[in-house]
Amino acid sequence: MLIRSFAVLAAAASLAVAGHASAQGAYDAPYGNDDIVVQGYAPSDGEVKSEVVSYADLDLSAPAGTSTLLRRIRGAVRNVCSPEPIAVELRDGADYSACRQEAMDRALDQVDLPQVTDGYRAGW
């Protein structure tokens, strides 16, 4: 069980690094400058999923715009890491949580605006 958990974490970490590089490449084109690609490894089905989130319509200098973008990113993170584990299996819950955190971190890196990161840390 410990070996399987380590293998899943190692695979997720390597996908995170590879996914970050491929997300950056996908982010540069064909998507616009106001789009982010949210990617996550869904451990329950073994897939890397992605979803594009646009924020072209938002004023990120205003708290309402930042909050709206974070809500959109959280929704995309849930989608790419789903399905959420139903069974009370600690390992599955940990894998799901890791997927969500890594997907959120990569999305925040793409936005690269202090007010969005600060809003996330403040719980907006």
C-alpha atoms as a PDB file:
ATOM      1  CA  MET A   1       0.000   0.000   0.000  1.00  0.00           C
ATOM      2  CA  LEU A   2       2.849   2.392   0.857  1.00  0.00           C
ATOM      3  CA  ILE A   3       4.576   1.537  -2.419  1.00  0.00           C
ATOM      4  CA  ARG A   4       1.366   2.188  -4.387  1.00  0.00           C
ATOM      5  CA  SER A   5       0.866   5.538  -2.654  1.00  0.00           C
ATOM      6  CA  PHE A   6       4.454   6.512  -3.418  1.00  0.00           C
ATOM      7  CA  ALA A   7       4.041   5.430  -7.049  1.00  0.00           C
ATOM      8  CA  VAL A   8       0.851   7.483  -7.409  1.00  0.00           C
ATOM      9  CA  LEU A   9       2.514  10.537  -5.855  1.00  0.00           C
ATOM     10  CA  ALA A  10       5.589  10.126  -8.064  1.00  0.00           C
ATOM     11  CA  ALA A  11       3.406   9.820 -11.157  1.00  0.00           C
ATOM     12  CA  ALA A  12       1.385  12.855 -10.154  1.00  0.00           C
ATOM     13  CA  ALA A  13       4.548  14.860  -9.536  1.00  0.00           C
ATOM     14  CA  SER A  14       6.013  13.956 -12.910  1.00  0.00           C
ATOM     15  CA  LEU A  15       2.719  14.772 -14.589  1.00  0.00           C
ATOM     16  CA  ALA A  16       2.628  18.066 -12.732  1.00  0.00           C
ATOM     17  CA  VAL A  17       6.025  19.023 -14.113  1.00  0.00           C
ATOM     18  CA  ALA A  18       5.205  17.777 -17.595  1.00  0.00           C
ATOM     19  CA  GLY A  19       1.691  19.171 -17.369  1.00  0.00           C
ATOM     20  CA  HIS A  20       3.011  22.574 -16.359  1.00  0.00           C
ATOM     21  CA  ALA A  21       5.294  22.661 -19.393  1.00  0.00           C
ATOM     22  CA  SER A  22       2.549  21.467 -21.732  1.00  0.00           C
ATOM     23  CA  ALA A  23       0.014  23.812 -20.154  1.00  0.00           C
ATOM     24  CA  GLN A  24       2.379  26.712 -20.718  1.00  0.00           C
ATOM     25  CA  GLY A  25       2.801  25.672 -24.353  1.00  0.00           C
ATOM     26  CA  ALA A  26      -0.945  25.256 -24.761  1.00  0.00           C
ATOM     27  CA  TYR A  27      -1.477  28.515 -22.944  1.00  0.00           C
ATOM     28  CA  ASP A  28       0.706  30.481 -25.354  1.00  0.00           C
ATOM     29  CA  ALA A  29      -1.373  29.397 -28.331  1.00  0.00           C
ATOM     30  CA  PRO A  30      -4.088  28.971 -29.503  1.00  0.00           C
ATOM     31  CA  TYR A  31      -5.631  30.533 -26.394  1.00  0.00           C
ATOM     32  CA  GLY A  32      -5.719  34.252 -25.758  1.00  0.00           C
ATOM     33  CA  ASN A  33      -3.706  36.253 -23.273  1.00  0.00           C
ATOM     34  CA  ASP A  34      -6.688  36.306 -20.940  1.00  0.00           C
ATOM     35  CA  ASP A  35      -7.085  32.520 -20.805  1.00  0.00           C
ATOM     36  CA  ILE A  36      -5.600  29.956 -18.463  1.00  0.00           C
ATOM     37  CA  VAL A  37      -5.423  26.210 -18.959  1.00  0.00           C
ATOM     38  CA  VAL A  38      -6.298  24.376 -15.763  1.00  0.00           C
ATOM     39  CA  GLN A  39      -4.888  20.844 -15.777  1.00  0.00           C
ATOM     40  CA  GLY A  40      -5.201  18.045 -13.292  1.00  0.00           C
ATOM     41  CA  TYR A  41      -4.463  14.358 -12.985  1.00  0.00           C
ATOM     42  CA  ALA A  42      -7.648  12.627 -11.893  1.00  0.00           C
ATOM     43  CA  PRO A  43      -6.333   9.656  -9.924  1.00  0.00           C
ATOM     44  CA  SER A  44      -9.682   7.889  -9.869  1.00  0.00           C
ATOM     45  CA  ASP A  45      -9.716   7.442 -13.641  1.00  0.00           C
ATOM     46  CA  GLY A  46      -6.010   7.894 -14.417  1.00  0.00           C
ATOM     47  CA  GLU A  47      -6.522  10.760 -16.860  1.00  0.00           C
ATOM     48  CA  VAL A  48      -4.934  14.153 -17.267  1.00  0.00           C
ATOM     49  CA  LYS A  49      -7.795  16.542 -17.959  1.00  0.00           C
ATOM     50  CA  SER A  50      -7.744  20.205 -18.891  1.00  0.00           C
ATOM     51  CA  GLU A  51     -10.193  23.085 -19.040  1.00  0.00           C
ATOM     52  CA  VAL A  52      -9.727  26.620 -20.367  1.00  0.00           C
ATOM     53  CA  VAL A  53     -10.793  29.493 -18.117  1.00  0.00           C
ATOM     54  CA  SER A  54     -11.163  32.948 -19.637  1.00  0.00           C
ATOM     55  CA  TYR A  55     -10.951  36.182 -17.710  1.00  0.00           C
ATOM     56  CA  ALA A  56     -11.035  38.657 -20.612  1.00  0.00           C
ATOM     57  CA  ASP A  57     -14.333  40.040 -19.305  1.00  0.00           C
ATOM     58  CA  LEU A  58     -13.044  40.686 -15.769  1.00  0.00           C
ATOM     59  CA  ASP A  59     -11.453  43.735 -14.166  1.00  0.00           C
ATOM     60  CA  LEU A  60      -8.779  42.086 -12.038  1.00  0.00           C
ATOM     61  CA  SER A  61      -7.886  45.367 -10.372  1.00  0.00           C
ATOM     62  CA  ALA A  62     -11.246  45.167  -8.583  1.00  0.00           C
ATOM     63  CA  PRO A  63     -11.934  42.643  -5.785  1.00  0.00           C
ATOM     64  CA  ALA A  64     -15.118  41.496  -7.548  1.00  0.00           C
ATOM     65  CA  GLY A  65     -13.139  40.588 -10.685  1.00  0.00           C
ATOM     66  CA  THR A  66     -10.524  38.716  -8.678  1.00  0.00           C
ATOM     67  CA  SER A  67     -13.184  36.847  -6.735  1.00  0.00           C
ATOM     68  CA  THR A  68     -15.010  35.879  -9.941  1.00  0.00           C
ATOM     69  CA  LEU A  69     -11.806  34.570 -11.521  1.00  0.00           C
ATOM     70  CA  LEU A  70     -11.002  32.490  -8.444  1.00  0.00           C
ATOM     71  CA  ARG A  71     -14.530  31.043  -8.508  1.00  0.00           C
ATOM     72  CA  ARG A  72     -14.046  30.086 -12.179  1.00  0.00           C
ATOM     73  CA  ILE A  73     -10.647  28.526 -11.480  1.00  0.00           C
ATOM     74  CA  ARG A  74     -12.025  26.541  -8.521  1.00  0.00           C
ATOM     75  CA  GLY A  75     -14.832  25.208 -10.725  1.00  0.00           C
ATOM     76  CA  ALA A  76     -12.345  24.154 -13.398  1.00  0.00           C
ATOM     77  CA  VAL A  77     -10.104  22.542 -10.765  1.00  0.00           C
ATOM     78  CA  ARG A  78     -13.063  20.500  -9.493  1.00  0.00           C
ATOM     79  CA  ASN A  79     -13.850  19.438 -13.073  1.00  0.00           C
ATOM     80  CA  VAL A  80     -10.329  18.362 -14.014  1.00  0.00           C
ATOM     81  CA  CYS A  81      -9.759  16.460 -10.766  1.00  0.00           C
ATOM     82  CA  SER A  82     -13.190  14.820 -10.661  1.00  0.00           C
ATOM     83  CA  PRO A  83     -14.750  12.569  -9.806  1.00  0.00           C
ATOM     84  CA  GLU A  84     -14.292  13.251  -6.124  1.00  0.00           C
ATOM     85  CA  PRO A  85     -13.803  10.008  -4.203  1.00  0.00           C
ATOM     86  CA  ILE A  86     -16.983   8.755  -2.589  1.00  0.00           C
ATOM     87  CA  ALA A  87     -15.588   5.925  -0.507  1.00  0.00           C
ATOM     88  CA  VAL A  88     -13.910   6.676   2.762  1.00  0.00           C
ATOM     89  CA  GLU A  89     -10.494   5.726   1.442  1.00  0.00           C
ATOM     90  CA  LEU A  90      -7.760   7.940   2.849  1.00  0.00           C
ATOM     91  CA  ARG A  91      -5.450   7.426  -0.110  1.00  0.00           C
ATOM     92  CA  ASP A  92      -8.115   8.419  -2.655  1.00  0.00           C
ATOM     93  CA  GLY A  93      -8.970  11.532  -0.690  1.00  0.00           C
ATOM     94  CA  ALA A  94      -5.294  12.490  -0.458  1.00  0.00           C
ATOM     95  CA  ASP A  95      -4.808  11.963  -4.213  1.00  0.00           C
ATOM     96  CA  TYR A  96      -7.874  14.105  -4.953  1.00  0.00           C
ATOM     97  CA  SER A  97      -6.653  16.858  -2.633  1.00  0.00           C
ATOM     98  CA  ALA A  98      -3.188  16.774  -4.212  1.00  0.00           C
ATOM     99  CA  CYS A  99      -4.718  17.027  -7.687  1.00  0.00           C
ATOM    100  CA  ARG A 100      -6.783  20.042  -6.667  1.00  0.00           C
ATOM    101  CA  GLN A 101      -3.859  21.809  -4.997  1.00  0.00           C
ATOM    102  CA  GLU A 102      -1.475  21.211  -7.914  1.00  0.00           C
ATOM    103  CA  ALA A 103      -4.081  22.331 -10.467  1.00  0.00           C
ATOM    104  CA  MET A 104      -4.794  25.493  -8.455  1.00  0.00           C
ATOM    105  CA  ASP A 105      -1.084  26.265  -8.056  1.00  0.00           C
ATOM    106  CA  ARG A 106      -0.475  25.920 -11.806  1.00  0.00           C
ATOM    107  CA  ALA A 107      -3.490  28.120 -12.604  1.00  0.00           C
ATOM    108  CA  LEU A 108      -2.299  30.834 -10.216  1.00  0.00           C
ATOM    109  CA  ASP A 109       1.173  30.657 -11.796  1.00  0.00           C
ATOM    110  CA  GLN A 110      -0.384  31.274 -15.205  1.00  0.00           C
ATOM    111  CA  VAL A 111      -2.394  34.281 -14.053  1.00  0.00           C
ATOM    112  CA  ASP A 112       0.718  35.608 -12.272  1.00  0.00           C
ATOM    113  CA  LEU A 113      -1.014  38.573 -10.623  1.00  0.00           C
ATOM    114  CA  PRO A 114      -0.374  39.278  -6.925  1.00  0.00           C
ATOM    115  CA  GLN A 115      -3.963  40.367  -6.253  1.00  0.00           C
ATOM    116  CA  VAL A 116      -5.307  37.013  -7.497  1.00  0.00           C
ATOM    117  CA  THR A 117      -2.803  34.988  -5.451  1.00  0.00           C
ATOM    118  CA  ASP A 118      -3.466  37.179  -2.412  1.00  0.00           C
ATOM    119  CA  GLY A 119      -7.223  36.752  -2.885  1.00  0.00           C
ATOM    120  CA  TYR A 120      -6.797  32.986  -3.028  1.00  0.00           C
ATOM    121  CA  ARG A 121      -4.694  32.968   0.137  1.00  0.00           C
ATOM    122  CA  ALA A 122      -7.295  35.160   1.847  1.00  0.00           C
ATOM    123  CA  GLY A 123      -9.993  32.601   1.006  1.00  0.00           C
ATOM    124  CA  TRP A 124     -11.939  34.589  -1.600  1.00  0.00           C
END
